[in-house]
């Protein structure tokens, strides 16, 4: 059915939103190259999963990593 196709992979992020750039969603979709780029110099961690990322935008519940 053209134009009305529903994508199979429409999972919601761990925070309940549709955030395709969050580490949990990248991991679920097997996008390990993207994860590697997003975690090369982490400045934030996630309260939800404990993941670390360069930018807060890649996490569900970000908090800065204290030096």
PDB file of N, CA and C in Angstrom:
ATOM      1  N   UNK A   1       0.850  -1.170   0.000  1.00  0.00           N
ATOM      2  CA  UNK A   1       0.000   0.000   0.000  1.00  0.00           C
ATOM      3  C   UNK A   1       0.890   1.224   0.000  1.00  0.00           C
ATOM      4  N   UNK A   2       1.037   1.853  -1.096  1.00  0.00           N
ATOM      5  CA  UNK A   2       1.942   2.982  -1.270  1.00  0.00           C
ATOM      6  C   UNK A   2       1.390   4.243  -0.612  1.00  0.00           C
ATOM      7  N   UNK A   3       2.289   5.004   0.040  1.00  0.00           N
ATOM      8  CA  UNK A   3       1.889   6.253   0.671  1.00  0.00           C
ATOM      9  C   UNK A   3       1.264   6.059   2.033  1.00  0.00           C
ATOM     10  N   UNK A   4       0.684   4.904   2.308  1.00  0.00           N
ATOM     11  CA  UNK A   4       0.055   4.662   3.590  1.00  0.00           C
ATOM     12  C   UNK A   4       0.787   3.600   4.388  1.00  0.00           C
ATOM     13  N   UNK A   5       2.037   3.349   4.028  1.00  0.00           N
ATOM     14  CA  UNK A   5       2.807   2.319   4.717  1.00  0.00           C
ATOM     15  C   UNK A   5       3.114   2.747   6.140  1.00  0.00           C
ATOM     16  N   UNK A   6       3.064   1.793   7.038  1.00  0.00           N
ATOM     17  CA  UNK A   6       3.402   2.035   8.428  1.00  0.00           C
ATOM     18  C   UNK A   6       4.744   1.389   8.683  1.00  0.00           C
ATOM     19  N   UNK A   7       5.651   2.157   9.244  1.00  0.00           N
ATOM     20  CA  UNK A   7       6.971   1.610   9.539  1.00  0.00           C
ATOM     21  C   UNK A   7       6.870   0.665  10.727  1.00  0.00           C
ATOM     22  N   UNK A   8       7.522  -0.477  10.623  1.00  0.00           N
ATOM     23  CA  UNK A   8       7.505  -1.478  11.674  1.00  0.00           C
ATOM     24  C   UNK A   8       8.236  -0.989  12.924  1.00  0.00           C
ATOM     25  N   UNK A   9       9.354  -0.274  12.749  1.00  0.00           N
ATOM     26  CA  UNK A   9      10.196   0.120  13.860  1.00  0.00           C
ATOM     27  C   UNK A   9       9.808   1.514  14.356  1.00  0.00           C
ATOM     28  N   UNK A  10       8.726   1.591  15.113  1.00  0.00           N
ATOM     29  CA  UNK A  10       8.277   2.869  15.649  1.00  0.00           C
ATOM     30  C   UNK A  10       8.287   2.826  17.170  1.00  0.00           C
ATOM     31  N   UNK A  11       9.308   2.227  17.735  1.00  0.00           N
ATOM     32  CA  UNK A  11       9.417   2.110  19.178  1.00  0.00           C
ATOM     33  C   UNK A  11       9.562   3.480  19.814  1.00  0.00           C
ATOM     34  N   UNK A  12       9.064   3.586  21.009  1.00  0.00           N
ATOM     35  CA  UNK A  12       9.206   4.821  21.763  1.00  0.00           C
ATOM     36  C   UNK A  12      10.487   4.763  22.576  1.00  0.00           C
ATOM     37  N   UNK A  13      11.036   5.894  22.822  1.00  0.00           N
ATOM     38  CA  UNK A  13      12.246   6.028  23.603  1.00  0.00           C
ATOM     39  C   UNK A  13      11.952   5.635  25.049  1.00  0.00           C
ATOM     40  N   UNK A  14      12.986   5.365  25.820  1.00  0.00           N
ATOM     41  CA  UNK A  14      12.828   5.025  27.226  1.00  0.00           C
ATOM     42  C   UNK A  14      12.131   6.105  28.022  1.00  0.00           C
ATOM     43  N   UNK A  15      12.186   7.339  27.572  1.00  0.00           N
ATOM     44  CA  UNK A  15      11.512   8.429  28.283  1.00  0.00           C
ATOM     45  C   UNK A  15      10.079   8.607  27.799  1.00  0.00           C
ATOM     46  N   UNK A  16       9.627   7.725  26.894  1.00  0.00           N
ATOM     47  CA  UNK A  16       8.245   7.766  26.437  1.00  0.00           C
ATOM     48  C   UNK A  16       8.016   8.620  25.205  1.00  0.00           C
ATOM     49  N   UNK A  17       9.061   9.232  24.677  1.00  0.00           N
ATOM     50  CA  UNK A  17       8.914  10.091  23.507  1.00  0.00           C
ATOM     51  C   UNK A  17       9.511   9.426  22.274  1.00  0.00           C
ATOM     52  N   UNK A  18       9.362  10.054  21.156  1.00  0.00           N
ATOM     53  CA  UNK A  18       9.846   9.532  19.883  1.00  0.00           C
ATOM     54  C   UNK A  18      11.192  10.183  19.567  1.00  0.00           C
ATOM     55  N   UNK A  19      12.236   9.763  20.276  1.00  0.00           N
ATOM     56  CA  UNK A  19      13.561  10.366  20.145  1.00  0.00           C
ATOM     57  C   UNK A  19      14.518   9.394  19.486  1.00  0.00           C
ATOM     58  N   UNK A  20      14.664   9.485  18.194  1.00  0.00           N
ATOM     59  CA  UNK A  20      15.492   8.550  17.448  1.00  0.00           C
ATOM     60  C   UNK A  20      16.986   8.735  17.698  1.00  0.00           C
ATOM     61  N   UNK A  21      17.412   9.870  18.229  1.00  0.00           N
ATOM     62  CA  UNK A  21      18.826  10.124  18.455  1.00  0.00           C
ATOM     63  C   UNK A  21      19.311   9.748  19.842  1.00  0.00           C
ATOM     64  N   UNK A  22      18.406   9.309  20.713  1.00  0.00           N
ATOM     65  CA  UNK A  22      18.832   8.917  22.048  1.00  0.00           C
ATOM     66  C   UNK A  22      19.587   7.604  21.994  1.00  0.00           C
ATOM     67  N   UNK A  23      20.587   7.453  22.879  1.00  0.00           N
ATOM     68  CA  UNK A  23      21.419   6.248  22.885  1.00  0.00           C
ATOM     69  C   UNK A  23      20.589   4.976  22.957  1.00  0.00           C
ATOM     70  N   UNK A  24      19.542   4.963  23.763  1.00  0.00           N
ATOM     71  CA  UNK A  24      18.731   3.744  23.895  1.00  0.00           C
ATOM     72  C   UNK A  24      18.087   3.368  22.567  1.00  0.00           C
ATOM     73  N   UNK A  25      17.663   4.350  21.792  1.00  0.00           N
ATOM     74  CA  UNK A  25      17.051   4.069  20.498  1.00  0.00           C
ATOM     75  C   UNK A  25      18.104   3.676  19.465  1.00  0.00           C
ATOM     76  N   UNK A  26      19.250   4.334  19.495  1.00  0.00           N
ATOM     77  CA  UNK A  26      20.334   3.968  18.585  1.00  0.00           C
ATOM     78  C   UNK A  26      20.745   2.520  18.846  1.00  0.00           C
ATOM     79  N   UNK A  27      20.848   2.152  20.136  1.00  0.00           N
ATOM     80  CA  UNK A  27      21.222   0.793  20.510  1.00  0.00           C
ATOM     81  C   UNK A  27      20.166  -0.204  20.036  1.00  0.00           C
ATOM     82  N   UNK A  28      18.891   0.095  20.246  1.00  0.00           N
ATOM     83  CA  UNK A  28      17.808  -0.810  19.828  1.00  0.00           C
ATOM     84  C   UNK A  28      17.801  -1.039  18.328  1.00  0.00           C
ATOM     85  N   UNK A  29      18.244  -0.032  17.581  1.00  0.00           N
ATOM     86  CA  UNK A  29      18.248  -0.132  16.120  1.00  0.00           C
ATOM     87  C   UNK A  29      19.595  -0.600  15.565  1.00  0.00           C
ATOM     88  N   UNK A  30      20.525  -0.953  16.457  1.00  0.00           N
ATOM     89  CA  UNK A  30      21.821  -1.475  16.020  1.00  0.00           C
ATOM     90  C   UNK A  30      22.705  -0.460  15.324  1.00  0.00           C
ATOM     91  N   UNK A  31      22.536   0.809  15.628  1.00  0.00           N
ATOM     92  CA  UNK A  31      23.308   1.878  14.976  1.00  0.00           C
ATOM     93  C   UNK A  31      24.586   2.181  15.772  1.00  0.00           C
ATOM     94  N   UNK A  32      25.473   1.197  15.812  1.00  0.00           N
ATOM     95  CA  UNK A  32      26.662   1.288  16.643  1.00  0.00           C
ATOM     96  C   UNK A  32      27.657   2.337  16.169  1.00  0.00           C
ATOM     97  N   UNK A  33      27.728   2.618  14.884  1.00  0.00           N
ATOM     98  CA  UNK A  33      28.596   3.686  14.395  1.00  0.00           C
ATOM     99  C   UNK A  33      28.122   5.041  14.917  1.00  0.00           C
ATOM    100  N   UNK A  34      26.810   5.244  14.936  1.00  0.00           N
ATOM    101  CA  UNK A  34      26.238   6.494  15.462  1.00  0.00           C
ATOM    102  C   UNK A  34      26.495   6.603  16.961  1.00  0.00           C
ATOM    103  N   UNK A  35      26.375   5.490  17.673  1.00  0.00           N
ATOM    104  CA  UNK A  35      26.644   5.485  19.110  1.00  0.00           C
ATOM    105  C   UNK A  35      28.092   5.869  19.353  1.00  0.00           C
ATOM    106  N   UNK A  36      28.992   5.320  18.571  1.00  0.00           N
ATOM    107  CA  UNK A  36      30.409   5.612  18.717  1.00  0.00           C
ATOM    108  C   UNK A  36      30.686   7.107  18.548  1.00  0.00           C
ATOM    109  N   UNK A  37      30.058   7.723  17.570  1.00  0.00           N
ATOM    110  CA  UNK A  37      30.219   9.168  17.340  1.00  0.00           C
ATOM    111  C   UNK A  37      29.646   9.977  18.499  1.00  0.00           C
ATOM    112  N   UNK A  38      28.496   9.541  19.022  1.00  0.00           N
ATOM    113  CA  UNK A  38      27.799  10.288  20.064  1.00  0.00           C
ATOM    114  C   UNK A  38      28.420  10.111  21.442  1.00  0.00           C
ATOM    115  N   UNK A  39      29.366   9.169  21.572  1.00  0.00           N
ATOM    116  CA  UNK A  39      29.952   8.891  22.879  1.00  0.00           C
ATOM    117  C   UNK A  39      31.475   9.027  22.906  1.00  0.00           C
ATOM    118  N   UNK A  40      32.048   9.660  21.905  1.00  0.00           N
ATOM    119  CA  UNK A  40      33.506   9.752  21.794  1.00  0.00           C
ATOM    120  C   UNK A  40      34.150  10.628  22.877  1.00  0.00           C
ATOM    121  N   UNK A  41      33.427  11.620  23.393  1.00  0.00           N
ATOM    122  CA  UNK A  41      33.942  12.526  24.424  1.00  0.00           C
ATOM    123  C   UNK A  41      32.781  12.912  25.348  1.00  0.00           C
ATOM    124  N   UNK A  42      32.324  11.969  26.170  1.00  0.00           N
ATOM    125  CA  UNK A  42      31.107  12.199  26.958  1.00  0.00           C
ATOM    126  C   UNK A  42      31.210  13.330  27.980  1.00  0.00           C
ATOM    127  N   UNK A  43      30.169  14.137  28.002  1.00  0.00           N
ATOM    128  CA  UNK A  43      30.052  15.245  28.951  1.00  0.00           C
ATOM    129  C   UNK A  43      28.788  15.105  29.813  1.00  0.00           C
ATOM    130  N   UNK A  44      27.897  14.159  29.435  1.00  0.00           N
ATOM    131  CA  UNK A  44      26.626  13.956  30.125  1.00  0.00           C
ATOM    132  C   UNK A  44      26.386  12.465  30.347  1.00  0.00           C
ATOM    133  N   UNK A  45      25.617  12.141  31.385  1.00  0.00           N
ATOM    134  CA  UNK A  45      25.184  10.763  31.598  1.00  0.00           C
ATOM    135  C   UNK A  45      23.673  10.751  31.741  1.00  0.00           C
ATOM    136  N   UNK A  46      23.074   9.592  31.606  1.00  0.00           N
ATOM    137  CA  UNK A  46      21.623   9.457  31.667  1.00  0.00           C
ATOM    138  C   UNK A  46      21.204   8.858  33.004  1.00  0.00           C
ATOM    139  N   UNK A  47      20.266   9.511  33.704  1.00  0.00           N
ATOM    140  CA  UNK A  47      19.720   8.989  34.954  1.00  0.00           C
ATOM    141  C   UNK A  47      18.991   7.670  34.715  1.00  0.00           C
ATOM    142  N   UNK A  48      18.406   7.504  33.528  1.00  0.00           N
ATOM    143  CA  UNK A  48      17.596   6.323  33.232  1.00  0.00           C
ATOM    144  C   UNK A  48      18.439   5.082  32.983  1.00  0.00           C
ATOM    145  N   UNK A  49      19.410   5.172  32.079  1.00  0.00           N
ATOM    146  CA  UNK A  49      20.161   3.968  31.686  1.00  0.00           C
ATOM    147  C   UNK A  49      21.622   3.993  32.097  1.00  0.00           C
ATOM    148  N   UNK A  50      22.123   5.150  32.542  1.00  0.00           N
ATOM    149  CA  UNK A  50      23.524   5.246  32.928  1.00  0.00           C
ATOM    150  C   UNK A  50      24.464   5.452  31.743  1.00  0.00           C
ATOM    151  N   UNK A  51      23.911   5.545  30.534  1.00  0.00           N
ATOM    152  CA  UNK A  51      24.730   5.777  29.346  1.00  0.00           C
ATOM    153  C   UNK A  51      25.382   7.146  29.398  1.00  0.00           C
ATOM    154  N   UNK A  52      26.484   7.289  28.689  1.00  0.00           N
ATOM    155  CA  UNK A  52      27.190   8.560  28.629  1.00  0.00           C
ATOM    156  C   UNK A  52      27.267   9.032  27.191  1.00  0.00           C
ATOM    157  N   UNK A  53      27.107  10.338  26.983  1.00  0.00           N
ATOM    158  CA  UNK A  53      27.107  10.904  25.635  1.00  0.00           C
ATOM    159  C   UNK A  53      27.765  12.276  25.629  1.00  0.00           C
ATOM    160  N   UNK A  54      28.181  12.676  24.431  1.00  0.00           N
ATOM    161  CA  UNK A  54      28.800  13.984  24.241  1.00  0.00           C
ATOM    162  C   UNK A  54      27.804  15.110  24.496  1.00  0.00           C
ATOM    163  N   UNK A  55      26.559  14.929  24.058  1.00  0.00           N
ATOM    164  CA  UNK A  55      25.521  15.964  24.141  1.00  0.00           C
ATOM    165  C   UNK A  55      24.323  15.466  24.935  1.00  0.00           C
ATOM    166  N   UNK A  56      23.709  16.349  25.677  1.00  0.00           N
ATOM    167  CA  UNK A  56      22.520  16.016  26.461  1.00  0.00           C
ATOM    168  C   UNK A  56      21.376  15.538  25.565  1.00  0.00           C
ATOM    169  N   UNK A  57      21.344  16.017  24.331  1.00  0.00           N
ATOM    170  CA  UNK A  57      20.263  15.671  23.407  1.00  0.00           C
ATOM    171  C   UNK A  57      20.221  14.184  23.070  1.00  0.00           C
ATOM    172  N   UNK A  58      21.311  13.452  23.348  1.00  0.00           N
ATOM    173  CA  UNK A  58      21.359  12.029  23.041  1.00  0.00           C
ATOM    174  C   UNK A  58      20.923  11.163  24.222  1.00  0.00           C
ATOM    175  N   UNK A  59      20.391  11.774  25.269  1.00  0.00           N
ATOM    176  CA  UNK A  59      20.006  11.038  26.462  1.00  0.00           C
ATOM    177  C   UNK A  59      18.579  11.370  26.885  1.00  0.00           C
ATOM    178  N   UNK A  60      17.916  10.413  27.542  1.00  0.00           N
ATOM    179  CA  UNK A  60      16.535  10.616  27.995  1.00  0.00           C
ATOM    180  C   UNK A  60      16.467  11.545  29.207  1.00  0.00           C
ATOM    181  N   UNK A  61      17.349  11.315  30.179  1.00  0.00           N
ATOM    182  CA  UNK A  61      17.346  12.089  31.420  1.00  0.00           C
ATOM    183  C   UNK A  61      18.785  12.540  31.695  1.00  0.00           C
ATOM    184  N   UNK A  62      19.271  13.540  30.937  1.00  0.00           N
ATOM    185  CA  UNK A  62      20.681  13.919  31.017  1.00  0.00           C
ATOM    186  C   UNK A  62      21.047  14.714  32.279  1.00  0.00           C
ATOM    187  N   UNK A  63      22.281  14.494  32.702  1.00  0.00           N
ATOM    188  CA  UNK A  63      22.885  15.277  33.788  1.00  0.00           C
ATOM    189  C   UNK A  63      24.364  15.419  33.430  1.00  0.00           C
ATOM    190  N   UNK A  64      24.973  16.554  33.759  1.00  0.00           N
ATOM    191  CA  UNK A  64      26.383  16.735  33.429  1.00  0.00           C
ATOM    192  C   UNK A  64      27.279  15.802  34.235  1.00  0.00           C
ATOM    193  N   UNK A  65      28.339  15.349  33.613  1.00  0.00           N
ATOM    194  CA  UNK A  65      29.347  14.546  34.305  1.00  0.00           C
ATOM    195  C   UNK A  65      30.251  15.528  35.043  1.00  0.00           C
ATOM    196  N   UNK A  66      30.368  15.342  36.323  1.00  0.00           N
ATOM    197  CA  UNK A  66      31.223  16.218  37.130  1.00  0.00           C
ATOM    198  C   UNK A  66      32.668  15.763  36.999  1.00  0.00           C
ATOM    199  N   UNK A  67      33.544  16.710  36.765  1.00  0.00           N
ATOM    200  CA  UNK A  67      34.976  16.375  36.595  1.00  0.00           C
ATOM    201  C   UNK A  67      35.648  16.129  37.914  1.00  0.00           C
TER     202      UNK A  67
END
